[in-house]
Amino acid sequence: MKAANRFSNNNRRAAENTARGFVTLLPLPIIVLMLTIVQPSCDLFMPPIGFPEDGANIRTTPQGTLEYLVRAYEHQRIDWFTELLPKNGTYRFFISPDYNADYLAAHGTDALIERIGEDDYAFIRAGTYYYWGHDCEIRKHRQLFNRADKIEFSFPNTPEVNEQSYRITAENETTHVEVRARLGELCVTAKDTLHCTPRDGQTQVFLLEREIDRRTGRWLWVIKDWFDLNTI
């Protein structure tokens, strides 16, 4: 992740190249919804594990992993969402700087913080970021999925071109894919009230990494870091 890993913005491997159209449309700035619909507490627990379907796993590609993420939201399946996070518990959701005050008000001195360097990510500026981890993220999504009557996505007609960056070893092996997506809208209906994220100013950055699936032994992509960079 540091300088020893190399960034490449070229489409190095066609099989791993995320479809530009789909990823650009991925509209997931959920911090607004998390602050308005779910409780701020983050109790520890072990969520159920499940598999949405038999046959080939779509998470063999970065594109499939993000498609899986959309499915988890639309079907409100916490077990599907859990499958997208690293099994070693290293997942982190980074808060948009515009929501630092809300996060600190809820968590005070327990707020987690990370200093990001210039060379740590391709699409993330250096600075200090607040974040929450694996257990907190699962809890928030469990509450969101349980309370929502409906979750749906709507997309702009002319999306911006998204960007990708690959982290590659000296042996030309891809270990991570960083994806930046813009625009789109996520809407949640709860108790006859419609909550929608703003389209303007949205930027989501996902750092995907590969890990061995415990059931099949295949390499699948998971979401290691998720940066919500949308603005108020």
Protein backbone atom coordinates (compact mmCIF):
# COMPACT_ATOMS: atom_id res chain seq x y z
CA MET A 1 0.00 0.00 0.00
CA LYS A 2 2.97 2.26 0.49
CA ALA A 3 5.53 3.37 -2.06
CA ALA A 4 6.61 -0.23 -2.65
CA ASN A 5 3.28 -0.88 -4.38
CA ARG A 6 2.91 0.64 -7.82
CA PHE A 7 -0.13 2.48 -9.14
CA SER A 8 -1.17 2.02 -12.74
CA ASN A 9 -4.11 3.79 -14.40
CA ASN A 10 -3.87 1.67 -17.51
CA ASN A 11 -6.21 -1.19 -18.23
CA ARG A 12 -3.57 -3.74 -17.35
CA ARG A 13 -5.73 -6.83 -17.37
CA ALA A 14 -8.88 -7.01 -19.41
CA ALA A 15 -10.38 -9.73 -17.23
CA GLU A 16 -10.08 -7.51 -14.16
CA ASN A 17 -11.06 -4.25 -15.80
CA THR A 18 -14.24 -2.88 -14.26
CA ALA A 19 -16.86 -1.84 -16.80
CA ARG A 20 -16.71 1.94 -16.91
CA GLY A 21 -20.42 2.45 -17.39
CA PHE A 22 -21.54 0.39 -14.41
CA VAL A 23 -19.04 1.60 -11.83
CA THR A 24 -19.62 5.25 -12.71
CA LEU A 25 -23.31 4.75 -11.96
CA LEU A 26 -22.73 3.21 -8.55
CA PRO A 27 -24.37 5.75 -6.20
CA LEU A 28 -23.40 4.90 -2.65
CA PRO A 29 -22.73 7.97 -0.47
CA ILE A 30 -24.52 6.35 2.47
CA ILE A 31 -23.18 8.53 5.26
CA VAL A 32 -26.24 10.83 5.06
CA LEU A 33 -28.59 7.87 5.39
CA MET A 34 -26.53 6.33 8.17
CA LEU A 35 -26.75 9.56 10.16
CA THR A 36 -30.50 10.02 9.65
CA ILE A 37 -31.90 6.46 9.72
CA VAL A 38 -29.66 4.26 11.88
CA GLN A 39 -28.43 4.57 15.44
CA PRO A 40 -24.84 5.83 16.00
CA SER A 41 -23.83 2.99 18.34
CA CYS A 42 -21.67 0.14 17.04
CA ASP A 43 -22.12 -2.96 19.18
CA LEU A 44 -19.95 -5.97 18.36
CA PHE A 45 -21.57 -9.10 16.96
CA MET A 46 -21.08 -11.82 14.36
CA PRO A 47 -23.56 -11.52 11.48
CA PRO A 48 -24.87 -14.52 9.54
CA ILE A 49 -23.00 -15.62 6.43
CA GLY A 50 -24.83 -16.52 3.26
CA PHE A 51 -24.43 -17.01 -0.46
CA PRO A 52 -26.96 -15.44 -2.84
CA GLU A 53 -26.79 -18.08 -5.54
CA ASP A 54 -25.09 -21.24 -6.70
CA GLY A 55 -22.75 -21.48 -9.65
CA ALA A 56 -20.01 -19.06 -10.66
CA ASN A 57 -19.39 -16.29 -8.13
CA ILE A 58 -19.59 -12.84 -9.70
CA ARG A 59 -16.97 -11.56 -7.26
CA THR A 60 -14.19 -13.10 -9.35
CA THR A 61 -13.97 -9.63 -10.98
CA PRO A 62 -14.01 -6.13 -9.46
CA GLN A 63 -17.10 -5.32 -11.54
CA GLY A 64 -18.90 -8.33 -10.12
CA THR A 65 -18.03 -7.30 -6.57
CA LEU A 66 -19.66 -3.91 -7.03
CA GLU A 67 -22.65 -5.53 -8.72
CA TYR A 68 -22.89 -7.78 -5.65
CA LEU A 69 -22.87 -4.68 -3.46
CA VAL A 70 -25.83 -3.23 -5.36
CA ARG A 71 -27.70 -6.54 -5.00
CA ALA A 72 -27.12 -6.54 -1.24
CA TYR A 73 -28.68 -3.08 -0.99
CA GLU A 74 -31.62 -3.70 -3.29
CA HIS A 75 -32.50 -7.03 -1.62
CA GLN A 76 -31.61 -5.69 1.87
CA ARG A 77 -29.51 -8.76 2.64
CA ILE A 78 -27.04 -8.30 5.48
CA ASP A 79 -25.51 -11.73 4.82
CA TRP A 80 -24.72 -10.76 1.22
CA PHE A 81 -23.23 -7.47 2.38
CA THR A 82 -21.10 -9.25 4.99
CA GLU A 83 -19.57 -11.42 2.28
CA LEU A 84 -18.14 -8.29 0.66
CA LEU A 85 -15.93 -7.42 3.63
CA PRO A 86 -12.51 -8.97 4.38
CA LYS A 87 -12.76 -11.92 6.72
CA ASN A 88 -9.81 -10.63 8.78
CA GLY A 89 -11.88 -7.65 9.96
CA THR A 90 -9.70 -4.96 8.37
CA TYR A 91 -12.54 -3.19 6.52
CA ARG A 92 -12.82 0.59 7.04
CA PHE A 93 -15.47 3.12 6.01
CA PHE A 94 -13.98 6.62 5.83
CA ILE A 95 -16.22 9.59 6.57
CA SER A 96 -16.57 12.52 4.22
CA PRO A 97 -14.78 15.46 5.87
CA ASP A 98 -18.06 17.40 5.68
CA TYR A 99 -19.54 15.03 8.28
CA ASN A 100 -16.68 15.03 10.77
CA ALA A 101 -18.62 17.19 13.23
CA ASP A 102 -21.62 14.81 13.19
CA TYR A 103 -19.39 11.79 13.68
CA LEU A 104 -17.48 13.37 16.54
CA ALA A 105 -20.70 14.47 18.22
CA ALA A 106 -21.91 10.87 18.19
CA HIS A 107 -18.65 9.17 19.17
CA GLY A 108 -16.56 11.81 20.94
CA THR A 109 -13.15 10.55 22.03
CA ASP A 110 -13.96 7.07 20.71
CA ALA A 111 -13.86 8.31 17.11
CA LEU A 112 -11.30 6.44 15.02
CA ILE A 113 -8.83 8.45 12.99
CA GLU A 114 -6.29 7.70 10.25
CA ARG A 115 -3.61 9.86 8.67
CA ILE A 116 -3.51 9.24 4.88
CA GLY A 117 -0.24 9.94 3.07
CA GLU A 118 0.29 11.20 -0.47
CA ASP A 119 1.33 7.76 -1.79
CA ASP A 120 -1.19 5.62 0.09
CA TYR A 121 -3.98 5.89 -2.51
CA ALA A 122 -4.29 7.04 -6.10
CA PHE A 123 -7.56 8.96 -5.66
CA ILE A 124 -7.43 10.09 -2.02
CA ARG A 125 -5.82 13.32 -0.94
CA ALA A 126 -3.39 13.31 1.96
CA GLY A 127 -4.98 14.31 5.23
CA THR A 128 -6.69 13.13 8.38
CA TYR A 129 -9.84 11.02 8.00
CA TYR A 130 -12.32 9.63 10.51
CA TYR A 131 -13.58 6.12 9.95
CA TRP A 132 -15.43 3.18 11.46
CA GLY A 133 -14.58 -0.49 11.09
CA HIS A 134 -16.03 -3.89 10.23
CA ASP A 135 -18.36 -4.51 13.19
CA CYS A 136 -19.73 -0.98 13.19
CA GLU A 137 -20.40 -1.11 9.46
CA ILE A 138 -22.29 -4.40 9.73
CA ARG A 139 -24.40 -3.04 12.56
CA LYS A 140 -25.30 0.11 10.63
CA HIS A 141 -26.26 -1.88 7.55
CA ARG A 142 -28.30 -4.34 9.59
CA GLN A 143 -30.28 -1.42 11.02
CA LEU A 144 -30.63 0.22 7.61
CA PHE A 145 -31.84 -2.96 5.91
CA ASN A 146 -34.25 -3.78 8.75
CA ARG A 147 -35.80 -0.32 8.87
CA ALA A 148 -36.04 0.39 5.16
CA ASP A 149 -39.26 -0.45 3.34
CA LYS A 150 -37.49 -0.10 -0.01
CA ILE A 151 -34.01 0.70 -1.32
CA GLU A 152 -33.54 1.69 -4.94
CA PHE A 153 -31.05 3.38 -7.23
CA SER A 154 -31.52 5.99 -9.93
CA PHE A 155 -28.85 7.05 -12.36
CA PRO A 156 -28.07 10.15 -14.43
CA ASN A 157 -28.42 9.90 -18.19
CA THR A 158 -24.88 11.12 -18.87
CA PRO A 159 -22.53 9.81 -16.18
CA GLU A 160 -18.98 10.98 -15.78
CA VAL A 161 -16.20 8.61 -16.77
CA ASN A 162 -14.98 6.70 -13.74
CA GLU A 163 -11.35 5.93 -12.98
CA GLN A 164 -9.44 2.89 -11.80
CA SER A 165 -5.96 2.27 -10.46
CA TYR A 166 -4.26 -1.11 -10.08
CA ARG A 167 -1.68 -2.06 -7.46
CA ILE A 168 0.73 -4.49 -9.02
CA THR A 169 3.61 -6.56 -7.68
CA ALA A 170 7.03 -6.89 -9.29
CA GLU A 171 5.73 -10.13 -10.82
CA ASN A 172 2.95 -8.13 -12.56
CA GLU A 173 0.31 -9.64 -10.28
CA THR A 174 -2.67 -7.43 -9.42
CA THR A 175 -3.33 -7.33 -5.67
CA HIS A 176 -5.69 -4.36 -5.33
CA VAL A 177 -7.94 -2.26 -7.54
CA GLU A 178 -8.91 1.27 -6.55
CA VAL A 179 -12.10 2.62 -8.15
CA ARG A 180 -13.44 6.18 -8.11
CA ALA A 181 -17.13 6.62 -8.95
CA ARG A 182 -19.22 9.77 -9.28
CA LEU A 183 -22.87 10.84 -9.55
CA GLY A 184 -25.95 8.68 -9.09
CA GLU A 185 -28.51 8.56 -6.31
CA LEU A 186 -29.45 6.11 -3.55
CA CYS A 187 -33.00 6.38 -2.19
CA VAL A 188 -34.38 4.69 0.92
CA THR A 189 -38.05 4.64 1.88
CA ALA A 190 -38.64 4.17 5.62
CA LYS A 191 -41.95 4.72 7.43
CA ASP A 192 -43.44 6.48 4.40
CA THR A 193 -40.53 8.93 4.29
CA LEU A 194 -38.19 9.06 1.30
CA HIS A 195 -34.50 9.69 2.02
CA CYS A 196 -32.27 10.32 -1.02
CA THR A 197 -28.58 11.12 -1.18
CA PRO A 198 -27.66 14.30 -3.10
CA ARG A 199 -26.30 13.72 -6.58
CA ASP A 200 -24.12 16.83 -6.80
CA GLY A 201 -20.63 16.61 -5.36
CA GLN A 202 -20.65 12.86 -4.89
CA THR A 203 -17.45 10.85 -5.05
CA GLN A 204 -17.01 7.30 -3.77
CA VAL A 205 -13.63 5.55 -3.73
CA PHE A 206 -13.40 1.78 -3.21
CA LEU A 207 -10.19 -0.11 -2.56
CA LEU A 208 -10.82 -3.75 -3.53
CA GLU A 209 -8.49 -6.59 -2.65
CA ARG A 210 -8.46 -10.32 -3.38
CA GLU A 211 -8.86 -13.00 -0.74
CA ILE A 212 -9.39 -16.75 -0.70
CA ASP A 213 -13.00 -17.84 -0.39
CA ARG A 214 -13.25 -20.29 2.51
CA ARG A 215 -15.92 -22.37 0.87
CA THR A 216 -14.55 -22.79 -2.66
CA GLY A 217 -10.86 -21.90 -2.36
CA ARG A 218 -11.22 -19.39 -5.22
CA TRP A 219 -9.80 -15.88 -5.22
CA LEU A 220 -12.63 -13.34 -4.85
CA TRP A 221 -12.63 -9.56 -4.56
CA VAL A 222 -13.73 -7.85 -1.34
CA ILE A 223 -14.01 -4.20 -0.28
CA LYS A 224 -11.10 -3.32 1.99
CA ASP A 225 -11.57 0.47 2.22
CA TRP A 226 -14.53 2.65 1.24
CA PHE A 227 -14.20 6.45 1.17
CA ASP A 228 -17.37 8.54 1.09
CA LEU A 229 -16.21 11.90 -0.23
CA ASN A 230 -19.55 13.52 -1.09
CA THR A 231 -20.20 17.06 0.07
CA ILE A 232 -23.20 18.65 1.76
